[in-house]
Every structure is written in C-alpha cells, then in structure tokens.
Amino acid sequence: MRILFVADAASIHTRRWLEHFRNRGDEVHVASFRAFEVPGVTLHVLPTFGLGKFGYFYALMVLPKIFARVQPDLVHAHYLTSYGFLAAFAGLRPLVVTAWGSDALIAPRQSRLMRYFASYAVRHANVVTTLADHMNPAVAELGVPLDRITATPFGVDTDFFRPAPGVEARCEPLKLICTRNFDVVYDVATLIRALEKVFSRGRQLQVDLVGDGPLRSELVDLARQFGIDSHIQFHGHVEHQVLAGLLAGADIFVTPALSDGNNVSLNEAMACGCFPIATDIPANAQWVRHGRNGYLYPPGDVDRLDNAALRSSARLENRKIAETRVDWRICARRMEALYQGLVERQG
C-alpha cells in the first residue's frame, strides 16, 4: 500500500507506525508540522509561516497538493483536534482518524471550537479508531455511530520492554519510577507530595522521574522545598533504550494522570514487571485490578497514594497481561487488517 500519515512525525507513537509499515514493505509518507526524518519514510513538512497555531490553517491549502502528488491508497490522521481536523477538512479520502486521549475526553468539553474540530474530524472519516474501549462513547458523542469506532492500542514491544533478572530479590531502597510528562493533566505534583510523606516516615526509595514539560521547574522547586530532591532524579526525555532500562530496573511504577486514552506508559511498565500504582480512571482500571496486580487511588488524593502498600509480587501477572493483550505485534496486525478492509471497500 501507499499510505499518507498526517501526524506529528516527532512523536514516538507516530514513528512506530511509520516504521512498522515501512518495514512491511509499504510506501510510507508523513505530513507533519514538526520536521523529523525517519529513514525510508518520505517527510512532507507543513508550513505555518511563523504564525503558530493560526498558521496551521495554511495546511488546508498544502495538504490537498501533497495528497495529489502522493496519491495514497489511504490517509491516517492522528489526534482529532489538530491533524485529524485538518485532514478531514482538506477532503483527504479514504481517511482513518485516531483519537489519542485528551482530544476526545477533555478538549471537546472545554471549548466549543475544539468540539467542532473533533466532531468534524470523526464525522468526515471513513474509519475512527481510539486507543481504548472506554474512549469510544466519548467519540460517539461527537457524532459518529459506535459501530464505526474501533479501539486499537498503540501497543508495547514486549521483546524490548522486559523485566531485568534479579530485580525481584532486591530489598530497600526500592526503585520507583514515573514516566509521565510534567503537565497539569499528568499531576506529577501529587506524586511528589506523597513522596514527601513516605520519606518522612523513614522509607527508603530511589525515584526516577522521566519526562519533561512546562511544569518541570515548578516540580523541581517543590521537591527541593520538601527536602527530598536528593532522592529524586529528573531525567528529562530519554532515548527509548534508556527508558526500557530504567523501567526494567524499577520495582514500582506510578501514574498519577487525571485523564488518559490508553496509558502506554503503564503498559510498558507492566511489560517490565513493575508493580503499578495508578489513578482510578478508566484508562488504568482496564489494566490494573486493585489489590491484585496493582493499586488504584482516587486522582489527586495524596493520602490514598501515600497509603498504597508497596509490593513487587505481581511481576509475572503484569508481564502476562502485556504479552497477551497489548503486545505491539497484536495491535499492528489489527491495524493492518483495518487498512486492508478499508482499501478493499474503496476499490
């Protein structure tokens, strides 16, 4: 097939799809506002002329020209309120659009304009996909029947993300990791407040915070204010190989997000055998059974997060869940079948 992705080429999630279909032998193109070269994939940079988000609308004139040159068998746009809307409004067909999380669960409820963008994208797509079943009703509310929506997680490479030998035998200090970005929706501040209580009782932890974002300096200051900054390493963004190593060496994974699509970070941690402590939201509850293979706590509740028992006895079960339900190969085959069905219907 010849496939045109309309998506952020710099995103690791986009790149994995690009690389998969490239490796399969398909001709792959990506139209993106951010220039990021993926070997074997043709990049088409969308101009904004320095106008920020207002410049995005110039893409409405450029996208049809890219489409005419490439003549793809199908177009796949990722994220409803940006690339999804642009691809739909530009009239690119046949069109698959994928909702990632906040673009369906949060933005349409906060802004009439974002709701219009998201609704337009799904109503003018041939196929709509999400990252998890719990997202489907929210997408349906935007004006598309449930039977036109299918959930396909991004998936995890369980050969790459796997437990390290000997970690289960380690005593304190246990290693705790959080790989969520430093933005409001991920609520890493609640984790730092809970850690202050844990350390005040003499518990020994080594903490790795992997990510970045607009709240980074605020979170560093908060850790310093509590006097726990010497126990916490702020890594920023790291290479995928480094991330896999940090997760494989960790005992506990915490995801304090207030909202999520499918929590790929959680899936990666489970594949590495980490014990998850997660907010009790649908994105996490679909993977974590409270008290069995992890702990769930109310979003933003410092005390309940602090009181969660720390254990590392669910390694085998979490690894099995990752292998059988969210392995990258399973998810990729589902997307391949979706593409093939769409192309055959058009032909």
Foldseek 3Di string as FASTA:
>chain_A
DEEEEEEACPDPLVLVLQVVVQVVVYAAEYEHCDDDDDPRYHYHHQDQPPPPPVSLVSVLVVVVVVCVVRVGLEYEYEAQQHRLLSCLSSPGPQYEYEHWWCLQPPVVVPDVSSLVSNLSSVVRHQAYEYQDPVSQVSSVVSPDDSVRYYHFHSFDALVLQAADPPLQVDDPPAEEEEADAPDPQQPCVLVLLLVLVVVVVPRGYAYEYEAYDDCVVVSCVSNVVSVNNVRYDDDHHDDPNVVSVSLNNHAEYEGLGNIGGADVVVLSSLSSQHAYEYAPDVNPVVQDDDPARHHYDHRPDSVVSNPDDRHRPNRVVSNVCSVPPGHNVVSSVVVVVVSVVRSVVVD
